[in-house]
Each structure stands twice: as structure tokens, then as C-alpha cells.
Amino acid sequence: MVRPPPLRPGASIAVVAPASAPHDLEQYEKGLARLRSLYDVRSAWTSGQERGYLAAPDSVRAAALHDAIRAPDVQAIVCVRGGYGCLRLLPHLDWTLARNHPTLLVGYSDVTALHLAFQARADWTGLSGPVATEWGELDADTLDPFRLLAEGGTPVIGEESLHSFREGTATGRLLGGNLSVLTRLIGTPYAPDWNGALLVLEDVAEAPYRIDRMLSHLQHAGVLDAVSGVILGNFRPEPPPSNRPTLSLDTVISDYFGDRSYPVATNLPYGHLLPRCSLPIGVPAELIVETNRARLNILAPVVAD
């Protein structure tokens, strides 16, 4: 693992928009103010170069990411938001630069593409956590677990909320994030090695048949057979039209995970809803699923002194 230094209060950060621009600039500014109250924000995205649903042209967004990675005093990159655009950057990124300058990348949703690509191409660890547009509304239930991980803690995650689905114990690198984005990396040089990994998945506003289709993709690609365990986070499916037949999301999950030989847990408070946990990407973890309880033990910090 190529681990960045801990992100402690007062540390220097850059706020970068590798995907979409914020919907609400006031919300973004409120988030920036909260970040500035904790960290030394050396640079931050500003509006003016938006290109449709992108925060700026690909070359500008890639350059901003490179500048933040290259800066010797920047210890973390906090993404403005997800949306869409990270996949477009992957062919333009300097992986040698990334390997030589590990920096804590913070974000989720579309940022899944960057977390997994940096893991695959530069062996980075990352932190799937709150984006800048959310920082103005973070409560202690979200902020405290984030800071624990960012400062080097190795917590037990989800012990009070995880539900048992398939019993067992497994260890492996924690990989995953947003299901829709993750599936787009399959078959590309930016997908990590899934063998023995603990796979965590979440998604939002997807009908059960679309979640079914994406899980089928993972099955056909061998991912669901390669991993050593699965943790499912928040899935807030889009309701189907009332006049069309459907399967429930629970049925879809049972179809793909009901007879697995490895442990499976559900109901991790991770995804597009607040409050939620943050997850360290690329670090070893242990999933323990028993009859009436489950927990995810983080075995190594995502950062290193």
C-alpha cells in the first residue's frame, strides 16, 4: 500500500472538482467554510469553466488533480461532489506522479472511479467519505468516524447496524463504492484485482432490474466469485411504475448472494444518505458475520506517519 500522511486538524488540503460542479453554490461555500474551520484549504475549485454536466473541460480537471497531487504541502484532496466525469479523466492521469506523491483522496459516488483506478495503477489507499458540498451539514455521526479514519484510526464499522445475511469470516482488501460506477471499470486497465477482496457496494435511484443487471455483470465478469466477502450499503431504489411487474430489491440480493460460500452483510450505513460512515479503500479488513450480528474490522490505517 502507498499510504498518505494522516489528515489532522490544521493540515493542508486542496478542494478539487474531478466530476460535476455543485448544484448549489451557496451550499458549496458553506461546506468550504466548514472545511476551512478544520483544515488549511490551500486551493479550492471556483465556478466559471463549467462544461455541461462537467465542472470544467477534461484537461482542466485533470490538471487540477495533478496540481493537488504534486503540491508538497497538500496532504488531502477533498472532492467538490460526485455527479459524473471521473471516468473521463482516467486516460489523462499521471500514474507515476501518483505513485511518487500519495495523497489522501476523499469523496464517494462518482469518485469511486478514481479510488479504484488509483488503487489499481498507483496502489493508493483512499477514503470514501463526504464531499465538499456536504460539509456544511455534517453532524457528529458522520464527521467523527471520518476524522477517526483520516487521522489513522482502525475502527470497527457497522457493529450496531449491519445485518447478517450469510455467515462466515473473511479478510481482504476493502474495495468498492458505487455499483453503477464500479461496473464501468470492468474490462478496463483501471479495475483493481478483486481476488480475495472484501467488496462493498451502494447505489441510489436505480430500479431493481438495473441493480439486477449490474450484479449480473459482476457475476459474468467473475468478480462475485473472486471476492472473499460482500458488504452491502444503502440502496434507495427508484420505485417502478405501478402498472409494471418487478422483483423486490431483497429478492434481487437474495438471488445473487443467498447461496454464497463467503460472508455477506447488509445494511451498512454507507451510500448517498446522511448520516453515514466513511470507508477506507484499499486497506486490509476483516468481515465477521454471525447469526445475529456482523461487524467490519479495519485492520490497518488508511494513512501512515
Protein backbone atom coordinates (compact mmCIF):
# COMPACT_ATOMS: atom_id res chain seq x y z
CA MET A 1 0.00 0.00 0.00
CA VAL A 2 1.12 3.55 -0.76
CA ARG A 3 -0.38 5.46 2.13
CA PRO A 4 -0.56 9.24 2.58
CA PRO A 5 0.15 11.02 5.87
CA PRO A 6 -2.61 11.47 8.45
CA LEU A 7 -5.10 14.29 7.97
CA ARG A 8 -5.16 16.10 11.29
CA PRO A 9 -6.72 19.47 12.18
CA GLY A 10 -4.77 22.27 10.54
CA ALA A 11 -3.38 20.06 7.77
CA SER A 12 -3.25 21.46 4.24
CA ILE A 13 -5.86 20.30 1.73
CA ALA A 14 -7.00 21.08 -1.81
CA VAL A 15 -10.64 21.07 -2.88
CA VAL A 16 -10.91 19.76 -6.45
CA ALA A 17 -13.85 19.04 -8.77
CA PRO A 18 -12.93 15.94 -10.82
CA ALA A 19 -16.53 15.32 -11.89
CA SER A 20 -19.51 17.71 -11.78
CA ALA A 21 -19.95 21.21 -10.42
CA PRO A 22 -22.15 21.80 -7.36
CA HIS A 23 -25.87 22.26 -7.94
CA ASP A 24 -25.99 24.94 -5.27
CA LEU A 25 -23.01 27.32 -4.95
CA GLU A 26 -24.20 28.57 -1.56
CA GLN A 27 -24.18 25.01 -0.24
CA TYR A 28 -20.67 24.57 -1.62
CA GLU A 29 -19.45 27.79 0.02
CA LYS A 30 -20.98 26.68 3.30
CA GLY A 31 -19.09 23.40 3.01
CA LEU A 32 -15.85 25.24 2.22
CA ALA A 33 -16.28 27.37 5.32
CA ARG A 34 -16.64 24.24 7.46
CA LEU A 35 -13.56 22.69 5.86
CA ARG A 36 -11.60 25.90 6.49
CA SER A 37 -12.57 25.75 10.15
CA LEU A 38 -10.74 22.42 10.45
CA TYR A 39 -8.06 22.44 7.76
CA ASP A 40 -5.80 24.80 5.83
CA VAL A 41 -7.51 24.97 2.42
CA ARG A 42 -4.67 25.89 0.04
CA SER A 43 -6.77 25.84 -3.14
CA ALA A 44 -10.42 25.35 -3.98
CA TRP A 45 -12.47 24.94 -7.14
CA THR A 46 -14.22 28.07 -8.39
CA SER A 47 -17.03 28.32 -10.90
CA GLY A 48 -16.58 29.76 -14.37
CA GLN A 49 -15.32 26.90 -16.54
CA GLU A 50 -18.28 24.51 -16.37
CA ARG A 51 -18.89 22.42 -19.47
CA GLY A 52 -22.39 20.97 -19.41
CA TYR A 53 -22.56 18.43 -16.62
CA LEU A 54 -18.77 18.66 -16.07
CA ALA A 55 -17.13 21.07 -13.62
CA ALA A 56 -14.63 22.04 -16.36
CA PRO A 57 -13.13 20.52 -19.51
CA ASP A 58 -11.30 17.23 -19.01
CA SER A 59 -7.85 18.81 -19.40
CA VAL A 60 -8.61 21.44 -16.75
CA ARG A 61 -9.98 18.92 -14.26
CA ALA A 62 -7.03 16.56 -14.79
CA ALA A 63 -4.56 19.43 -14.38
CA ALA A 64 -6.22 20.49 -11.10
CA LEU A 65 -5.93 16.96 -9.81
CA HIS A 66 -2.27 16.75 -10.87
CA ASP A 67 -1.50 20.11 -9.23
CA ALA A 68 -3.01 18.94 -5.95
CA ILE A 69 -1.09 15.64 -6.05
CA ARG A 70 2.16 17.40 -6.95
CA ALA A 71 1.93 20.09 -4.27
CA PRO A 72 4.30 19.05 -1.46
CA ASP A 73 2.21 20.72 1.24
CA VAL A 74 -1.18 19.24 0.26
CA GLN A 75 -2.00 16.23 2.41
CA ALA A 76 -5.52 15.53 1.16
CA ILE A 77 -7.76 16.18 -1.82
CA VAL A 78 -11.43 16.68 -0.98
CA CYS A 79 -13.70 16.37 -3.99
CA VAL A 80 -16.36 19.03 -4.53
CA ARG A 81 -19.01 16.41 -5.34
CA GLY A 82 -19.66 13.36 -7.48
CA GLY A 83 -22.09 13.56 -10.36
CA TYR A 84 -20.24 12.43 -13.46
CA GLY A 85 -16.83 12.93 -15.02
CA CYS A 86 -14.17 10.92 -13.17
CA LEU A 87 -14.18 8.11 -15.74
CA ARG A 88 -13.26 10.60 -18.47
CA LEU A 89 -10.10 11.59 -16.59
CA LEU A 90 -8.52 8.15 -16.24
CA PRO A 91 -6.60 8.07 -19.55
CA HIS A 92 -5.18 11.55 -18.80
CA LEU A 93 -3.79 10.91 -15.31
CA ASP A 94 -0.09 10.59 -14.50
CA TRP A 95 0.18 7.36 -12.54
CA THR A 96 3.94 7.75 -11.96
CA LEU A 97 3.25 11.10 -10.31
CA ALA A 98 0.58 9.45 -8.17
CA ARG A 99 2.90 6.65 -7.06
CA ASN A 100 5.52 9.19 -6.02
CA HIS A 101 3.12 11.53 -4.20
CA PRO A 102 0.49 9.59 -2.24
CA THR A 103 -2.30 11.96 -1.22
CA LEU A 104 -5.48 11.16 0.68
CA LEU A 105 -8.36 11.33 -1.81
CA VAL A 106 -11.74 11.98 -0.18
CA GLY A 107 -15.09 11.56 -1.93
CA TYR A 108 -17.68 8.98 -2.93
CA SER A 109 -20.21 8.14 -5.66
CA ASP A 110 -18.54 9.05 -8.99
CA VAL A 111 -15.22 9.34 -7.12
CA THR A 112 -15.38 5.53 -6.90
CA ALA A 113 -13.75 5.53 -10.35
CA LEU A 114 -10.75 7.44 -9.01
CA HIS A 115 -10.45 5.43 -5.79
CA LEU A 116 -10.36 2.13 -7.65
CA ALA A 117 -8.16 3.37 -10.50
CA PHE A 118 -5.61 4.88 -8.12
CA GLN A 119 -5.63 1.57 -6.23
CA ALA A 120 -5.08 -0.38 -9.45
CA ARG A 121 -2.47 1.89 -11.07
CA ALA A 122 -0.69 3.55 -8.14
CA ASP A 123 -1.50 1.28 -5.16
CA TRP A 124 -3.07 4.20 -3.32
CA THR A 125 -5.33 3.86 -0.36
CA GLY A 126 -8.26 6.29 -0.27
CA LEU A 127 -11.12 7.41 1.90
CA SER A 128 -14.68 7.12 0.66
CA GLY A 129 -16.11 10.00 2.62
CA PRO A 130 -18.08 13.26 2.49
CA VAL A 131 -17.66 15.66 -0.45
CA ALA A 132 -17.24 19.40 0.00
CA THR A 133 -20.88 20.23 -0.78
CA GLU A 134 -21.92 18.13 2.24
CA TRP A 135 -19.52 19.50 4.83
CA GLY A 136 -21.81 22.34 5.84
CA GLU A 137 -24.44 19.87 7.04
CA LEU A 138 -22.31 17.10 8.55
CA ASP A 139 -23.31 16.01 12.04
CA ALA A 140 -21.12 14.21 14.55
CA ASP A 141 -22.38 10.79 13.41
CA THR A 142 -20.72 11.38 10.03
CA LEU A 143 -17.84 13.72 10.87
CA ASP A 144 -16.40 11.85 13.86
CA PRO A 145 -15.98 8.47 12.07
CA PHE A 146 -14.43 10.28 9.08
CA ARG A 147 -11.89 12.05 11.26
CA LEU A 148 -11.05 8.85 13.12
CA LEU A 149 -10.10 7.14 9.87
CA ALA A 150 -8.38 10.21 8.37
CA GLU A 151 -6.20 10.59 11.46
CA GLY A 152 -5.09 6.95 11.47
CA GLY A 153 -7.71 5.04 13.45
CA THR A 154 -8.67 1.43 12.78
CA PRO A 155 -12.28 1.22 13.97
CA VAL A 156 -14.91 -1.47 13.97
CA ILE A 157 -17.52 -0.32 11.45
CA GLY A 158 -21.22 -1.10 11.40
CA GLU A 159 -21.38 -3.21 14.54
CA GLU A 160 -24.66 -1.59 15.61
CA SER A 161 -26.31 -1.55 12.19
CA LEU A 162 -25.01 -4.39 10.00
CA HIS A 163 -27.41 -7.26 9.35
CA SER A 164 -26.30 -10.85 8.93
CA PHE A 165 -27.07 -12.38 5.53
CA ARG A 166 -24.55 -15.19 5.03
CA GLU A 167 -22.44 -16.27 8.00
CA GLY A 168 -18.68 -16.60 7.93
CA THR A 169 -15.39 -14.76 8.41
CA ALA A 170 -13.14 -13.34 5.70
CA THR A 171 -10.22 -10.95 5.39
CA GLY A 172 -9.08 -8.97 2.38
CA ARG A 173 -8.52 -5.51 0.97
CA LEU A 174 -11.63 -3.38 1.21
CA LEU A 175 -12.64 -2.38 -2.32
CA GLY A 176 -15.80 -0.98 -3.83
CA GLY A 177 -18.08 2.01 -3.71
CA ASN A 178 -20.87 2.99 -6.05
CA LEU A 179 -22.16 -0.02 -8.00
CA SER A 180 -23.04 1.90 -11.18
CA VAL A 181 -19.57 3.42 -11.42
CA LEU A 182 -17.70 0.30 -10.35
CA THR A 183 -19.21 -1.84 -13.11
CA ARG A 184 -17.95 0.63 -15.74
CA LEU A 185 -14.36 -0.25 -14.79
CA ILE A 186 -14.77 -3.97 -15.50
CA GLY A 187 -12.65 -4.94 -18.51
CA THR A 188 -10.55 -1.77 -18.37
CA PRO A 189 -6.96 -1.30 -17.15
CA TYR A 190 -8.31 0.77 -14.26
CA ALA A 191 -10.06 -2.04 -12.36
CA PRO A 192 -8.26 -3.36 -9.27
CA ASP A 193 -7.51 -7.01 -8.55
CA TRP A 194 -10.69 -8.37 -6.99
CA ASN A 195 -9.19 -11.67 -5.85
CA GLY A 196 -9.72 -12.11 -2.12
CA ALA A 197 -11.11 -8.60 -1.68
CA LEU A 198 -13.95 -7.58 0.59
CA LEU A 199 -16.41 -5.92 -1.79
CA VAL A 200 -18.62 -3.07 -0.58
CA LEU A 201 -21.45 -1.78 -2.77
CA GLU A 202 -24.05 1.01 -2.63
CA ASP A 203 -26.28 2.83 -5.10
CA VAL A 204 -29.18 5.22 -5.33
CA ALA A 205 -32.15 5.89 -7.63
CA GLU A 206 -31.74 2.62 -9.53
CA ALA A 207 -34.72 0.37 -10.22
CA PRO A 208 -34.37 -3.25 -9.03
CA TYR A 209 -33.94 -4.53 -12.61
CA ARG A 210 -30.99 -2.17 -13.14
CA ILE A 211 -29.34 -3.31 -9.91
CA ASP A 212 -30.03 -6.87 -11.09
CA ARG A 213 -28.32 -6.10 -14.41
CA MET A 214 -25.23 -4.64 -12.74
CA LEU A 215 -24.89 -7.55 -10.33
CA SER A 216 -25.26 -9.91 -13.26
CA HIS A 217 -22.41 -8.04 -14.96
CA LEU A 218 -20.23 -8.56 -11.88
CA GLN A 219 -21.17 -12.23 -11.85
CA HIS A 220 -20.36 -12.78 -15.52
CA ALA A 221 -17.06 -10.90 -15.13
CA GLY A 222 -16.05 -13.24 -12.29
CA VAL A 223 -15.95 -10.53 -9.63
CA LEU A 224 -18.55 -12.09 -7.34
CA ASP A 225 -16.68 -15.40 -7.43
CA ALA A 226 -13.27 -13.79 -6.85
CA VAL A 227 -14.03 -11.81 -3.70
CA SER A 228 -13.89 -13.23 -0.18
CA GLY A 229 -16.89 -11.35 1.24
CA VAL A 230 -19.52 -8.72 0.44
CA ILE A 231 -20.93 -5.79 2.41
CA LEU A 232 -23.99 -4.02 1.04
CA GLY A 233 -24.65 -0.41 1.98
CA ASN A 234 -27.63 1.83 1.33
CA PHE A 235 -29.68 1.11 -1.77
CA ARG A 236 -32.51 3.56 -2.26
CA PRO A 237 -34.11 2.04 -5.38
CA GLU A 238 -36.21 4.01 -7.78
CA PRO A 239 -39.80 2.77 -7.49
CA PRO A 240 -41.04 1.09 -10.68
CA PRO A 241 -44.26 2.21 -12.36
CA SER A 242 -47.24 0.77 -10.54
CA ASN A 243 -48.52 -1.00 -13.67
CA ARG A 244 -45.29 -2.93 -14.33
CA PRO A 245 -44.18 -6.19 -12.69
CA THR A 246 -40.97 -6.10 -10.68
CA LEU A 247 -38.82 -8.02 -8.27
CA SER A 248 -38.13 -6.51 -4.88
CA LEU A 249 -34.60 -5.40 -4.13
CA ASP A 250 -34.47 -8.01 -1.35
CA THR A 251 -35.26 -10.71 -3.89
CA VAL A 252 -32.54 -9.49 -6.25
CA ILE A 253 -29.99 -9.50 -3.45
CA SER A 254 -31.05 -12.99 -2.40
CA ASP A 255 -30.72 -14.25 -5.98
CA TYR A 256 -27.08 -13.16 -6.18
CA PHE A 257 -25.87 -13.64 -2.62
CA GLY A 258 -28.21 -16.13 -0.95
CA ASP A 259 -26.05 -19.20 -1.55
CA ARG A 260 -22.56 -17.73 -1.41
CA SER A 261 -19.86 -19.65 0.42
CA TYR A 262 -18.42 -16.43 1.85
CA PRO A 263 -19.85 -13.98 4.43
CA VAL A 264 -22.35 -11.36 3.30
CA ALA A 265 -23.67 -8.48 5.43
CA THR A 266 -26.28 -5.87 4.59
CA ASN A 267 -27.50 -2.51 5.94
CA LEU A 268 -24.13 -0.80 6.25
CA PRO A 269 -24.86 2.93 6.77
CA TYR A 270 -22.86 3.85 3.67
CA GLY A 271 -24.05 5.48 0.47
CA HIS A 272 -25.88 8.62 -0.60
CA LEU A 273 -27.76 9.24 2.66
CA LEU A 274 -26.62 11.18 5.71
CA PRO A 275 -25.58 10.32 8.34
CA ARG A 276 -23.24 7.62 7.01
CA CYS A 277 -19.92 6.00 7.72
CA SER A 278 -16.73 6.60 5.77
CA LEU A 279 -14.74 3.66 4.40
CA PRO A 280 -11.01 3.22 3.84
CA ILE A 281 -10.42 1.90 0.31
CA GLY A 282 -7.54 -0.49 -0.33
CA VAL A 283 -6.72 -1.39 3.27
CA PRO A 284 -6.97 -4.86 4.82
CA ALA A 285 -10.16 -5.52 6.74
CA GLU A 286 -11.99 -8.41 8.34
CA LEU A 287 -15.69 -9.17 7.91
CA ILE A 288 -17.28 -11.28 10.63
CA VAL A 289 -20.90 -12.33 10.10
CA GLU A 290 -22.59 -14.36 12.85
CA THR A 291 -26.18 -15.45 13.28
CA ASN A 292 -27.46 -12.27 14.85
CA ARG A 293 -24.69 -9.74 14.35
CA ALA A 294 -21.96 -8.64 11.96
CA ARG A 295 -19.00 -6.28 12.05
CA LEU A 296 -16.29 -4.94 9.79
CA ASN A 297 -12.90 -4.63 11.45
CA ILE A 298 -10.39 -2.28 9.82
CA LEU A 299 -7.01 -3.99 10.24
CA ALA A 300 -4.65 -1.23 9.10
CA PRO A 301 -4.88 2.56 8.91
CA VAL A 302 -5.60 4.26 5.60
CA VAL A 303 -2.83 6.77 6.39
CA ALA A 304 0.70 6.39 7.75
CA ASP A 305 3.01 8.71 9.71
